Amino acid sequence: SFWTKADKPFQFLAFCFEWTAYLAHLE
């Protein structure tokens, strides 16, 4: 219900994976 509403859903989902990994790296 969240990521499929994006203008570019699969590119946004790829960002979600990357951003989550980035935050985990900092944590």
mmCIF file of all heavy atoms, coordinates in Angstrom:
data_MODEL
# 
_entry.id   MODEL 
# 
loop_
_atom_site.group_PDB 
_atom_site.id 
_atom_site.type_symbol 
_atom_site.label_atom_id 
_atom_site.label_alt_id 
_atom_site.label_comp_id 
_atom_site.label_asym_id 
_atom_site.label_entity_id 
_atom_site.label_seq_id 
_atom_site.pdbx_PDB_ins_code 
_atom_site.Cartn_x 
_atom_site.Cartn_y 
_atom_site.Cartn_z 
_atom_site.occupancy 
_atom_site.B_iso_or_equiv 
_atom_site.pdbx_formal_charge 
_atom_site.auth_seq_id 
_atom_site.auth_comp_id 
_atom_site.auth_asym_id 
_atom_site.auth_atom_id 
_atom_site.pdbx_PDB_model_num 
ATOM 1   N N   . SER A 1 1  ? 0.817  -1.215 0.000   1.00 0.00 ? 1  SER A N   1 
ATOM 2   C CA  . SER A 1 1  ? 0.000  0.000  0.000   1.00 0.00 ? 1  SER A CA  1 
ATOM 3   C C   . SER A 1 1  ? 0.850  1.264  0.000   1.00 0.00 ? 1  SER A C   1 
ATOM 4   O O   . SER A 1 1  ? 0.346  2.348  -0.299  1.00 0.00 ? 1  SER A O   1 
ATOM 5   C CB  . SER A 1 1  ? -0.930 0.019  1.214   1.00 0.00 ? 1  SER A CB  1 
ATOM 6   O OG  . SER A 1 1  ? -0.173 0.005  2.423   1.00 0.00 ? 1  SER A OG  1 
ATOM 7   N N   . PHE A 1 2  ? 2.149  1.136  0.328   1.00 0.00 ? 2  PHE A N   1 
ATOM 8   C CA  . PHE A 1 2  ? 3.026  2.310  0.346   1.00 0.00 ? 2  PHE A CA  1 
ATOM 9   C C   . PHE A 1 2  ? 3.878  2.392  -0.913  1.00 0.00 ? 2  PHE A C   1 
ATOM 10  O O   . PHE A 1 2  ? 3.766  3.341  -1.701  1.00 0.00 ? 2  PHE A O   1 
ATOM 11  C CB  . PHE A 1 2  ? 3.922  2.288  1.592   1.00 0.00 ? 2  PHE A CB  1 
ATOM 12  C CG  . PHE A 1 2  ? 4.761  3.536  1.744   1.00 0.00 ? 2  PHE A CG  1 
ATOM 13  C CD1 . PHE A 1 2  ? 4.169  4.761  1.996   1.00 0.00 ? 2  PHE A CD1 1 
ATOM 14  C CD2 . PHE A 1 2  ? 6.150  3.486  1.638   1.00 0.00 ? 2  PHE A CD2 1 
ATOM 15  C CE1 . PHE A 1 2  ? 4.942  5.918  2.140   1.00 0.00 ? 2  PHE A CE1 1 
ATOM 16  C CE2 . PHE A 1 2  ? 6.930  4.618  1.783   1.00 0.00 ? 2  PHE A CE2 1 
ATOM 17  C CZ  . PHE A 1 2  ? 6.321  5.839  2.034   1.00 0.00 ? 2  PHE A CZ  1 
ATOM 18  N N   . TRP A 1 3  ? 4.725  1.403  -1.159  1.00 0.00 ? 3  TRP A N   1 
ATOM 19  C CA  . TRP A 1 3  ? 5.697  1.557  -2.246  1.00 0.00 ? 3  TRP A CA  1 
ATOM 20  C C   . TRP A 1 3  ? 5.080  1.445  -3.630  1.00 0.00 ? 3  TRP A C   1 
ATOM 21  O O   . TRP A 1 3  ? 5.610  2.007  -4.587  1.00 0.00 ? 3  TRP A O   1 
ATOM 22  C CB  . TRP A 1 3  ? 6.873  0.598  -2.080  1.00 0.00 ? 3  TRP A CB  1 
ATOM 23  C CG  . TRP A 1 3  ? 6.592  -0.883 -2.231  1.00 0.00 ? 3  TRP A CG  1 
ATOM 24  C CD1 . TRP A 1 3  ? 6.320  -1.764 -1.235  1.00 0.00 ? 3  TRP A CD1 1 
ATOM 25  C CD2 . TRP A 1 3  ? 6.614  -1.639 -3.449  1.00 0.00 ? 3  TRP A CD2 1 
ATOM 26  N NE1 . TRP A 1 3  ? 6.146  -3.035 -1.743  1.00 0.00 ? 3  TRP A NE1 1 
ATOM 27  C CE2 . TRP A 1 3  ? 6.333  -2.985 -3.105  1.00 0.00 ? 3  TRP A CE2 1 
ATOM 28  C CE3 . TRP A 1 3  ? 6.843  -1.328 -4.790  1.00 0.00 ? 3  TRP A CE3 1 
ATOM 29  C CZ2 . TRP A 1 3  ? 6.269  -4.011 -4.051  1.00 0.00 ? 3  TRP A CZ2 1 
ATOM 30  C CZ3 . TRP A 1 3  ? 6.786  -2.335 -5.738  1.00 0.00 ? 3  TRP A CZ3 1 
ATOM 31  C CH2 . TRP A 1 3  ? 6.499  -3.658 -5.371  1.00 0.00 ? 3  TRP A CH2 1 
ATOM 32  N N   . THR A 1 4  ? 3.952  0.749  -3.764  1.00 0.00 ? 4  THR A N   1 
ATOM 33  C CA  . THR A 1 4  ? 3.328  0.643  -5.094  1.00 0.00 ? 4  THR A CA  1 
ATOM 34  C C   . THR A 1 4  ? 2.647  1.944  -5.507  1.00 0.00 ? 4  THR A C   1 
ATOM 35  O O   . THR A 1 4  ? 2.260  2.092  -6.666  1.00 0.00 ? 4  THR A O   1 
ATOM 36  C CB  . THR A 1 4  ? 2.303  -0.497 -5.141  1.00 0.00 ? 4  THR A CB  1 
ATOM 37  O OG1 . THR A 1 4  ? 1.288  -0.269 -4.149  1.00 0.00 ? 4  THR A OG1 1 
ATOM 38  C CG2 . THR A 1 4  ? 2.965  -1.846 -4.897  1.00 0.00 ? 4  THR A CG2 1 
ATOM 39  N N   . LYS A 1 5  ? 2.500  2.889  -4.568  1.00 0.00 ? 5  LYS A N   1 
ATOM 40  C CA  . LYS A 1 5  ? 1.892  4.182  -4.904  1.00 0.00 ? 5  LYS A CA  1 
ATOM 41  C C   . LYS A 1 5  ? 2.924  5.169  -5.430  1.00 0.00 ? 5  LYS A C   1 
ATOM 42  O O   . LYS A 1 5  ? 2.578  6.287  -5.826  1.00 0.00 ? 5  LYS A O   1 
ATOM 43  C CB  . LYS A 1 5  ? 1.204  4.786  -3.671  1.00 0.00 ? 5  LYS A CB  1 
ATOM 44  C CG  . LYS A 1 5  ? 0.088  3.931  -3.088  1.00 0.00 ? 5  LYS A CG  1 
ATOM 45  C CD  . LYS A 1 5  ? -1.058 3.760  -4.079  1.00 0.00 ? 5  LYS A CD  1 
ATOM 46  C CE  . LYS A 1 5  ? -2.275 3.108  -3.428  1.00 0.00 ? 5  LYS A CE  1 
ATOM 47  N NZ  . LYS A 1 5  ? -2.003 1.737  -2.934  1.00 0.00 ? 5  LYS A NZ  1 
ATOM 48  N N   . ALA A 1 6  ? 4.178  4.773  -5.439  1.00 0.00 ? 6  ALA A N   1 
ATOM 49  C CA  . ALA A 1 6  ? 5.239  5.658  -5.918  1.00 0.00 ? 6  ALA A CA  1 
ATOM 50  C C   . ALA A 1 6  ? 5.124  5.888  -7.419  1.00 0.00 ? 6  ALA A C   1 
ATOM 51  O O   . ALA A 1 6  ? 4.573  5.058  -8.149  1.00 0.00 ? 6  ALA A O   1 
ATOM 52  C CB  . ALA A 1 6  ? 6.607  5.061  -5.591  1.00 0.00 ? 6  ALA A CB  1 
ATOM 53  N N   . ASP A 1 7  ? 5.658  7.023  -7.879  1.00 0.00 ? 7  ASP A N   1 
ATOM 54  C CA  . ASP A 1 7  ? 5.691  7.294  -9.322  1.00 0.00 ? 7  ASP A CA  1 
ATOM 55  C C   . ASP A 1 7  ? 6.463  6.204  -10.055 1.00 0.00 ? 7  ASP A C   1 
ATOM 56  O O   . ASP A 1 7  ? 6.076  5.780  -11.146 1.00 0.00 ? 7  ASP A O   1 
ATOM 57  C CB  . ASP A 1 7  ? 6.346  8.653  -9.590  1.00 0.00 ? 7  ASP A CB  1 
ATOM 58  C CG  . ASP A 1 7  ? 5.379  9.808  -9.404  1.00 0.00 ? 7  ASP A CG  1 
ATOM 59  O OD1 . ASP A 1 7  ? 4.213  9.564  -9.030  1.00 0.00 ? 7  ASP A OD1 1 
ATOM 60  O OD2 . ASP A 1 7  ? 5.800  10.964 -9.620  1.00 0.00 ? 7  ASP A OD2 1 
ATOM 61  N N   . LYS A 1 8  ? 7.578  5.774  -9.448  1.00 0.00 ? 8  LYS A N   1 
ATOM 62  C CA  . LYS A 1 8  ? 8.395  4.708  -10.023 1.00 0.00 ? 8  LYS A CA  1 
ATOM 63  C C   . LYS A 1 8  ? 8.576  3.644  -8.946  1.00 0.00 ? 8  LYS A C   1 
ATOM 64  O O   . LYS A 1 8  ? 9.595  3.617  -8.233  1.00 0.00 ? 8  LYS A O   1 
ATOM 65  C CB  . LYS A 1 8  ? 9.739  5.270  -10.503 1.00 0.00 ? 8  LYS A CB  1 
ATOM 66  C CG  . LYS A 1 8  ? 9.571  6.322  -11.597 1.00 0.00 ? 8  LYS A CG  1 
ATOM 67  C CD  . LYS A 1 8  ? 10.885 6.963  -12.002 1.00 0.00 ? 8  LYS A CD  1 
ATOM 68  C CE  . LYS A 1 8  ? 10.663 8.014  -13.090 1.00 0.00 ? 8  LYS A CE  1 
ATOM 69  N NZ  . LYS A 1 8  ? 11.921 8.704  -13.452 1.00 0.00 ? 8  LYS A NZ  1 
ATOM 70  N N   . PRO A 1 9  ? 7.571  2.775  -8.794  1.00 0.00 ? 9  PRO A N   1 
ATOM 71  C CA  . PRO A 1 9  ? 7.513  1.889  -7.624  1.00 0.00 ? 9  PRO A CA  1 
ATOM 72  C C   . PRO A 1 9  ? 8.716  0.976  -7.437  1.00 0.00 ? 9  PRO A C   1 
ATOM 73  O O   . PRO A 1 9  ? 9.220  0.841  -6.316  1.00 0.00 ? 9  PRO A O   1 
ATOM 74  C CB  . PRO A 1 9  ? 6.222  1.085  -7.843  1.00 0.00 ? 9  PRO A CB  1 
ATOM 75  C CG  . PRO A 1 9  ? 5.848  1.287  -9.269  1.00 0.00 ? 9  PRO A CG  1 
ATOM 76  C CD  . PRO A 1 9  ? 6.396  2.611  -9.661  1.00 0.00 ? 9  PRO A CD  1 
ATOM 77  N N   . PHE A 1 10 ? 9.201  0.358  -8.498  1.00 0.00 ? 10 PHE A N   1 
ATOM 78  C CA  . PHE A 1 10 ? 10.302 -0.583 -8.309  1.00 0.00 ? 10 PHE A CA  1 
ATOM 79  C C   . PHE A 1 10 ? 11.625 0.131  -8.050  1.00 0.00 ? 10 PHE A C   1 
ATOM 80  O O   . PHE A 1 10 ? 12.477 -0.366 -7.305  1.00 0.00 ? 10 PHE A O   1 
ATOM 81  C CB  . PHE A 1 10 ? 10.404 -1.535 -9.504  1.00 0.00 ? 10 PHE A CB  1 
ATOM 82  C CG  . PHE A 1 10 ? 9.278  -2.529 -9.539  1.00 0.00 ? 10 PHE A CG  1 
ATOM 83  C CD1 . PHE A 1 10 ? 8.222  -2.370 -10.424 1.00 0.00 ? 10 PHE A CD1 1 
ATOM 84  C CD2 . PHE A 1 10 ? 9.251  -3.603 -8.662  1.00 0.00 ? 10 PHE A CD2 1 
ATOM 85  C CE1 . PHE A 1 10 ? 7.168  -3.264 -10.440 1.00 0.00 ? 10 PHE A CE1 1 
ATOM 86  C CE2 . PHE A 1 10 ? 8.204  -4.513 -8.676  1.00 0.00 ? 10 PHE A CE2 1 
ATOM 87  C CZ  . PHE A 1 10 ? 7.153  -4.343 -9.560  1.00 0.00 ? 10 PHE A CZ  1 
ATOM 88  N N   . GLN A 1 11 ? 11.794 1.300  -8.651  1.00 0.00 ? 11 GLN A N   1 
ATOM 89  C CA  . GLN A 1 11 ? 12.995 2.080  -8.341  1.00 0.00 ? 11 GLN A CA  1 
ATOM 90  C C   . GLN A 1 11 ? 12.931 2.610  -6.914  1.00 0.00 ? 11 GLN A C   1 
ATOM 91  O O   . GLN A 1 11 ? 13.958 2.691  -6.222  1.00 0.00 ? 11 GLN A O   1 
ATOM 92  C CB  . GLN A 1 11 ? 13.153 3.229  -9.335  1.00 0.00 ? 11 GLN A CB  1 
ATOM 93  C CG  . GLN A 1 11 ? 13.488 2.761  -10.738 1.00 0.00 ? 11 GLN A CG  1 
ATOM 94  C CD  . GLN A 1 11 ? 13.740 3.914  -11.691 1.00 0.00 ? 11 GLN A CD  1 
ATOM 95  O OE1 . GLN A 1 11 ? 14.593 4.751  -11.445 1.00 0.00 ? 11 GLN A OE1 1 
ATOM 96  N NE2 . GLN A 1 11 ? 13.007 3.957  -12.793 1.00 0.00 ? 11 GLN A NE2 1 
ATOM 97  N N   . PHE A 1 12 ? 11.715 2.958  -6.458  1.00 0.00 ? 12 PHE A N   1 
ATOM 98  C CA  . PHE A 1 12 ? 11.577 3.395  -5.071  1.00 0.00 ? 12 PHE A CA  1 
ATOM 99  C C   . PHE A 1 12 ? 11.830 2.232  -4.120  1.00 0.00 ? 12 PHE A C   1 
ATOM 100 O O   . PHE A 1 12 ? 12.479 2.402  -3.076  1.00 0.00 ? 12 PHE A O   1 
ATOM 101 C CB  . PHE A 1 12 ? 10.183 3.969  -4.824  1.00 0.00 ? 12 PHE A CB  1 
ATOM 102 C CG  . PHE A 1 12 ? 9.954  4.381  -3.400  1.00 0.00 ? 12 PHE A CG  1 
ATOM 103 C CD1 . PHE A 1 12 ? 10.569 5.508  -2.884  1.00 0.00 ? 12 PHE A CD1 1 
ATOM 104 C CD2 . PHE A 1 12 ? 9.151  3.616  -2.556  1.00 0.00 ? 12 PHE A CD2 1 
ATOM 105 C CE1 . PHE A 1 12 ? 10.391 5.884  -1.560  1.00 0.00 ? 12 PHE A CE1 1 
ATOM 106 C CE2 . PHE A 1 12 ? 8.965  3.977  -1.234  1.00 0.00 ? 12 PHE A CE2 1 
ATOM 107 C CZ  . PHE A 1 12 ? 9.582  5.119  -0.729  1.00 0.00 ? 12 PHE A CZ  1 
ATOM 108 N N   . LEU A 1 13 ? 11.353 1.040  -4.454  1.00 0.00 ? 13 LEU A N   1 
ATOM 109 C CA  . LEU A 1 13 ? 11.598 -0.125 -3.605  1.00 0.00 ? 13 LEU A CA  1 
ATOM 110 C C   . LEU A 1 13 ? 13.093 -0.420 -3.504  1.00 0.00 ? 13 LEU A C   1 
ATOM 111 O O   . LEU A 1 13 ? 13.602 -0.753 -2.423  1.00 0.00 ? 13 LEU A O   1 
ATOM 112 C CB  . LEU A 1 13 ? 10.841 -1.340 -4.147  1.00 0.00 ? 13 LEU A CB  1 
ATOM 113 C CG  . LEU A 1 13 ? 10.961 -2.626 -3.318  1.00 0.00 ? 13 LEU A CG  1 
ATOM 114 C CD1 . LEU A 1 13 ? 10.425 -2.416 -1.908  1.00 0.00 ? 13 LEU A CD1 1 
ATOM 115 C CD2 . LEU A 1 13 ? 10.223 -3.771 -4.019  1.00 0.00 ? 13 LEU A CD2 1 
ATOM 116 N N   . ALA A 1 14 ? 13.802 -0.286 -4.631  1.00 0.00 ? 14 ALA A N   1 
ATOM 117 C CA  . ALA A 1 14 ? 15.253 -0.473 -4.597  1.00 0.00 ? 14 ALA A CA  1 
ATOM 118 C C   . ALA A 1 14 ? 15.898 0.541  -3.648  1.00 0.00 ? 14 ALA A C   1 
ATOM 119 O O   . ALA A 1 14 ? 16.844 0.211  -2.912  1.00 0.00 ? 14 ALA A O   1 
ATOM 120 C CB  . ALA A 1 14 ? 15.832 -0.327 -6.000  1.00 0.00 ? 14 ALA A CB  1 
ATOM 121 N N   . PHE A 1 15 ? 15.389 1.768  -3.661  1.00 0.00 ? 15 PHE A N   1 
ATOM 122 C CA  . PHE A 1 15 ? 15.881 2.776  -2.718  1.00 0.00 ? 15 PHE A CA  1 
ATOM 123 C C   . PHE A 1 15 ? 15.613 2.351  -1.273  1.00 0.00 ? 15 PHE A C   1 
ATOM 124 O O   . PHE A 1 15 ? 16.476 2.547  -0.392  1.00 0.00 ? 15 PHE A O   1 
ATOM 125 C CB  . PHE A 1 15 ? 15.217 4.128  -2.982  1.00 0.00 ? 15 PHE A CB  1 
ATOM 126 C CG  . PHE A 1 15 ? 15.236 5.050  -1.803  1.00 0.00 ? 15 PHE A CG  1 
ATOM 127 C CD1 . PHE A 1 15 ? 16.401 5.723  -1.447  1.00 0.00 ? 15 PHE A CD1 1 
ATOM 128 C CD2 . PHE A 1 15 ? 14.103 5.220  -1.010  1.00 0.00 ? 15 PHE A CD2 1 
ATOM 129 C CE1 . PHE A 1 15 ? 16.428 6.558  -0.338  1.00 0.00 ? 15 PHE A CE1 1 
ATOM 130 C CE2 . PHE A 1 15 ? 14.129 6.048  0.102   1.00 0.00 ? 15 PHE A CE2 1 
ATOM 131 C CZ  . PHE A 1 15 ? 15.292 6.718  0.441   1.00 0.00 ? 15 PHE A CZ  1 
ATOM 132 N N   . CYS A 1 16 ? 14.436 1.786  -1.021  1.00 0.00 ? 16 CYS A N   1 
ATOM 133 C CA  . CYS A 1 16 ? 14.100 1.356  0.339   1.00 0.00 ? 16 CYS A CA  1 
ATOM 134 C C   . CYS A 1 16 ? 15.127 0.352  0.859   1.00 0.00 ? 16 CYS A C   1 
ATOM 135 O O   . CYS A 1 16 ? 15.572 0.438  2.017   1.00 0.00 ? 16 CYS A O   1 
ATOM 136 C CB  . CYS A 1 16 ? 12.702 0.737  0.372   1.00 0.00 ? 16 CYS A CB  1 
ATOM 137 S SG  . CYS A 1 16 ? 11.365 1.912  0.049   1.00 0.00 ? 16 CYS A SG  1 
ATOM 138 N N   . PHE A 1 17 ? 15.504 -0.607 0.026   1.00 0.00 ? 17 PHE A N   1 
ATOM 139 C CA  . PHE A 1 17 ? 16.534 -1.574 0.418   1.00 0.00 ? 17 PHE A CA  1 
ATOM 140 C C   . PHE A 1 17 ? 17.858 -0.859 0.730   1.00 0.00 ? 17 PHE A C   1 
ATOM 141 O O   . PHE A 1 17 ? 18.532 -1.147 1.723   1.00 0.00 ? 17 PHE A O   1 
ATOM 142 C CB  . PHE A 1 17 ? 16.754 -2.603 -0.691  1.00 0.00 ? 17 PHE A CB  1 
ATOM 143 C CG  . PHE A 1 17 ? 15.578 -3.515 -0.922  1.00 0.00 ? 17 PHE A CG  1 
ATOM 144 C CD1 . PHE A 1 17 ? 15.114 -3.760 -2.203  1.00 0.00 ? 17 PHE A CD1 1 
ATOM 145 C CD2 . PHE A 1 17 ? 14.930 -4.136 0.132   1.00 0.00 ? 17 PHE A CD2 1 
ATOM 146 C CE1 . PHE A 1 17 ? 14.029 -4.598 -2.426  1.00 0.00 ? 17 PHE A CE1 1 
ATOM 147 C CE2 . PHE A 1 17 ? 13.847 -4.985 -0.077  1.00 0.00 ? 17 PHE A CE2 1 
ATOM 148 C CZ  . PHE A 1 17 ? 13.395 -5.215 -1.354  1.00 0.00 ? 17 PHE A CZ  1 
ATOM 149 N N   . GLU A 1 18 ? 18.217 0.072  -0.169  1.00 0.00 ? 18 GLU A N   1 
ATOM 150 C CA  . GLU A 1 18 ? 19.502 0.777  -0.025  1.00 0.00 ? 18 GLU A CA  1 
ATOM 151 C C   . GLU A 1 18 ? 19.510 1.669  1.212   1.00 0.00 ? 18 GLU A C   1 
ATOM 152 O O   . GLU A 1 18 ? 20.492 1.702  1.978   1.00 0.00 ? 18 GLU A O   1 
ATOM 153 C CB  . GLU A 1 18 ? 19.777 1.602  -1.287  1.00 0.00 ? 18 GLU A CB  1 
ATOM 154 C CG  . GLU A 1 18 ? 21.194 2.091  -1.428  1.00 0.00 ? 18 GLU A CG  1 
ATOM 155 C CD  . GLU A 1 18 ? 22.092 1.068  -2.109  1.00 0.00 ? 18 GLU A CD  1 
ATOM 156 O OE1 . GLU A 1 18 ? 21.688 -0.108 -2.219  1.00 0.00 ? 18 GLU A OE1 1 
ATOM 157 O OE2 . GLU A 1 18 ? 23.193 1.439  -2.515  1.00 0.00 ? 18 GLU A OE2 1 
ATOM 158 N N   . TRP A 1 19 ? 18.433 2.409  1.426   1.00 0.00 ? 19 TRP A N   1 
ATOM 159 C CA  . TRP A 1 19 ? 18.346 3.336  2.553   1.00 0.00 ? 19 TRP A CA  1 
ATOM 160 C C   . TRP A 1 19 ? 18.365 2.578  3.884   1.00 0.00 ? 19 TRP A C   1 
ATOM 161 O O   . TRP A 1 19 ? 19.039 2.998  4.827   1.00 0.00 ? 19 TRP A O   1 
ATOM 162 C CB  . TRP A 1 19 ? 17.079 4.166  2.442   1.00 0.00 ? 19 TRP A CB  1 
ATOM 163 C CG  . TRP A 1 19 ? 16.926 5.210  3.507   1.00 0.00 ? 19 TRP A CG  1 
ATOM 164 C CD1 . TRP A 1 19 ? 16.076 5.191  4.580   1.00 0.00 ? 19 TRP A CD1 1 
ATOM 165 C CD2 . TRP A 1 19 ? 17.656 6.441  3.608   1.00 0.00 ? 19 TRP A CD2 1 
ATOM 166 N NE1 . TRP A 1 19 ? 16.216 6.319  5.335   1.00 0.00 ? 19 TRP A NE1 1 
ATOM 167 C CE2 . TRP A 1 19 ? 17.179 7.116  4.765   1.00 0.00 ? 19 TRP A CE2 1 
ATOM 168 C CE3 . TRP A 1 19 ? 18.659 7.041  2.844   1.00 0.00 ? 19 TRP A CE3 1 
ATOM 169 C CZ2 . TRP A 1 19 ? 17.673 8.348  5.168   1.00 0.00 ? 19 TRP A CZ2 1 
ATOM 170 C CZ3 . TRP A 1 19 ? 19.150 8.276  3.238   1.00 0.00 ? 19 TRP A CZ3 1 
ATOM 171 C CH2 . TRP A 1 19 ? 18.659 8.913  4.392   1.00 0.00 ? 19 TRP A CH2 1 
ATOM 172 N N   . THR A 1 20 ? 17.667 1.457  3.942   1.00 0.00 ? 20 THR A N   1 
ATOM 173 C CA  . THR A 1 20 ? 17.647 0.647  5.159   1.00 0.00 ? 20 THR A CA  1 
ATOM 174 C C   . THR A 1 20 ? 19.037 0.092  5.463   1.00 0.00 ? 20 THR A C   1 
ATOM 175 O O   . THR A 1 20 ? 19.483 0.086  6.623   1.00 0.00 ? 20 THR A O   1 
ATOM 176 C CB  . THR A 1 20 ? 16.626 -0.499 5.022   1.00 0.00 ? 20 THR A CB  1 
ATOM 177 O OG1 . THR A 1 20 ? 15.333 0.060  4.749   1.00 0.00 ? 20 THR A OG1 1 
ATOM 178 C CG2 . THR A 1 20 ? 16.557 -1.340 6.285   1.00 0.00 ? 20 THR A CG2 1 
ATOM 179 N N   . ALA A 1 21 ? 19.729 -0.353 4.425   1.00 0.00 ? 21 ALA A N   1 
ATOM 180 C CA  . ALA A 1 21 ? 21.093 -0.855 4.615   1.00 0.00 ? 21 ALA A CA  1 
ATOM 181 C C   . ALA A 1 21 ? 22.026 0.270  5.061   1.00 0.00 ? 21 ALA A C   1 
ATOM 182 O O   . ALA A 1 21 ? 22.920 0.066  5.900   1.00 0.00 ? 21 ALA A O   1 
ATOM 183 C CB  . ALA A 1 21 ? 21.599 -1.487 3.325   1.00 0.00 ? 21 ALA A CB  1 
ATOM 184 N N   . TYR A 1 22 ? 21.822 1.463  4.524   1.00 0.00 ? 22 TYR A N   1 
ATOM 185 C CA  . TYR A 1 22 ? 22.635 2.626  4.893   1.00 0.00 ? 22 TYR A CA  1 
ATOM 186 C C   . TYR A 1 22 ? 22.434 2.985  6.368   1.00 0.00 ? 22 TYR A C   1 
ATOM 187 O O   . TYR A 1 22 ? 23.409 3.225  7.103   1.00 0.00 ? 22 TYR A O   1 
ATOM 188 C CB  . TYR A 1 22 ? 22.253 3.798  3.987   1.00 0.00 ? 22 TYR A CB  1 
ATOM 189 C CG  . TYR A 1 22 ? 22.843 5.130  4.362   1.00 0.00 ? 22 TYR A CG  1 
ATOM 190 C CD1 . TYR A 1 22 ? 24.214 5.356  4.309   1.00 0.00 ? 22 TYR A CD1 1 
ATOM 191 C CD2 . TYR A 1 22 ? 22.019 6.183  4.759   1.00 0.00 ? 22 TYR A CD2 1 
ATOM 192 C CE1 . TYR A 1 22 ? 24.750 6.588  4.636   1.00 0.00 ? 22 TYR A CE1 1 
ATOM 193 C CE2 . TYR A 1 22 ? 22.543 7.421  5.099   1.00 0.00 ? 22 TYR A CE2 1 
ATOM 194 C CZ  . TYR A 1 22 ? 23.906 7.617  5.038   1.00 0.00 ? 22 TYR A CZ  1 
ATOM 195 O OH  . TYR A 1 22 ? 24.439 8.837  5.368   1.00 0.00 ? 22 TYR A OH  1 
ATOM 196 N N   . LEU A 1 23 ? 21.184 2.990  6.826   1.00 0.00 ? 23 LEU A N   1 
ATOM 197 C CA  . LEU A 1 23 ? 20.906 3.296  8.229   1.00 0.00 ? 23 LEU A CA  1 
ATOM 198 C C   . LEU A 1 23 ? 21.498 2.242  9.153   1.00 0.00 ? 23 LEU A C   1 
ATOM 199 O O   . LEU A 1 23 ? 22.038 2.566  10.226  1.00 0.00 ? 23 LEU A O   1 
ATOM 200 C CB  . LEU A 1 23 ? 19.393 3.410  8.446   1.00 0.00 ? 23 LEU A CB  1 
ATOM 201 C CG  . LEU A 1 23 ? 18.677 4.573  7.739   1.00 0.00 ? 23 LEU A CG  1 
ATOM 202 C CD1 . LEU A 1 23 ? 17.203 4.573  8.087   1.00 0.00 ? 23 LEU A CD1 1 
ATOM 203 C CD2 . LEU A 1 23 ? 19.316 5.918  8.099   1.00 0.00 ? 23 LEU A CD2 1 
ATOM 204 N N   . ALA A 1 24 ? 21.407 0.976  8.740   1.00 0.00 ? 24 ALA A N   1 
ATOM 205 C CA  . ALA A 1 24 ? 21.979 -0.106 9.546   1.00 0.00 ? 24 ALA A CA  1 
ATOM 206 C C   . ALA A 1 24 ? 23.501 0.050  9.651   1.00 0.00 ? 24 ALA A C   1 
ATOM 207 O O   . ALA A 1 24 ? 24.101 -0.205 10.714  1.00 0.00 ? 24 ALA A O   1 
ATOM 208 C CB  . ALA A 1 24 ? 21.620 -1.457 8.934   1.00 0.00 ? 24 ALA A CB  1 
ATOM 209 N N   . HIS A 1 25 ? 24.111 0.477  8.572   1.00 0.00 ? 25 HIS A N   1 
ATOM 210 C CA  . HIS A 1 25 ? 25.554 0.713  8.556   1.00 0.00 ? 25 HIS A CA  1 
ATOM 211 C C   . HIS A 1 25 ? 25.933 1.791  9.576   1.00 0.00 ? 25 HIS A C   1 
ATOM 212 O O   . HIS A 1 25 ? 26.911 1.628  10.322  1.00 0.00 ? 25 HIS A O   1 
ATOM 213 C CB  . HIS A 1 25 ? 25.958 1.144  7.143   1.00 0.00 ? 25 HIS A CB  1 
ATOM 214 C CG  . HIS A 1 25 ? 27.408 1.485  6.980   1.00 0.00 ? 25 HIS A CG  1 
ATOM 215 N ND1 . HIS A 1 25 ? 28.358 0.555  6.640   1.00 0.00 ? 25 HIS A ND1 1 
ATOM 216 C CD2 . HIS A 1 25 ? 28.068 2.679  7.108   1.00 0.00 ? 25 HIS A CD2 1 
ATOM 217 C CE1 . HIS A 1 25 ? 29.535 1.143  6.561   1.00 0.00 ? 25 HIS A CE1 1 
ATOM 218 N NE2 . HIS A 1 25 ? 29.388 2.426  6.833   1.00 0.00 ? 25 HIS A NE2 1 
ATOM 219 N N   . LEU A 1 26 ? 25.152 2.865  9.620   1.00 0.00 ? 26 LEU A N   1 
ATOM 220 C CA  . LEU A 1 26 ? 25.431 3.949  10.564  1.00 0.00 ? 26 LEU A CA  1 
ATOM 221 C C   . LEU A 1 26 ? 25.162 3.517  12.001  1.00 0.00 ? 26 LEU A C   1 
ATOM 222 O O   . LEU A 1 26 ? 25.904 3.879  12.923  1.00 0.00 ? 26 LEU A O   1 
ATOM 223 C CB  . LEU A 1 26 ? 24.582 5.177  10.212  1.00 0.00 ? 26 LEU A CB  1 
ATOM 224 C CG  . LEU A 1 26 ? 24.843 5.836  8.854   1.00 0.00 ? 26 LEU A CG  1 
ATOM 225 C CD1 . LEU A 1 26 ? 23.943 7.050  8.684   1.00 0.00 ? 26 LEU A CD1 1 
ATOM 226 C CD2 . LEU A 1 26 ? 26.308 6.231  8.699   1.00 0.00 ? 26 LEU A CD2 1 
ATOM 227 N N   . GLU A 1 27 ? 24.094 2.745  12.192  1.00 0.00 ? 27 GLU A N   1 
ATOM 228 C CA  . GLU A 1 27 ? 23.748 2.285  13.543  1.00 0.00 ? 27 GLU A CA  1 
ATOM 229 C C   . GLU A 1 27 ? 24.821 1.366  14.114  1.00 0.00 ? 27 GLU A C   1 
ATOM 230 O O   . GLU A 1 27 ? 24.989 1.271  15.338  1.00 0.00 ? 27 GLU A O   1 
ATOM 231 C CB  . GLU A 1 27 ? 22.393 1.575  13.513  1.00 0.00 ? 27 GLU A CB  1 
ATOM 232 C CG  . GLU A 1 27 ? 21.220 2.528  13.317  1.00 0.00 ? 27 GLU A CG  1 
ATOM 233 C CD  . GLU A 1 27 ? 19.909 1.807  13.092  1.00 0.00 ? 27 GLU A CD  1 
ATOM 234 O OE1 . GLU A 1 27 ? 19.918 0.553  13.119  1.00 0.00 ? 27 GLU A OE1 1 
ATOM 235 O OE2 . GLU A 1 27 ? 18.881 2.480  12.895  1.00 0.00 ? 27 GLU A OE2 1 
# 
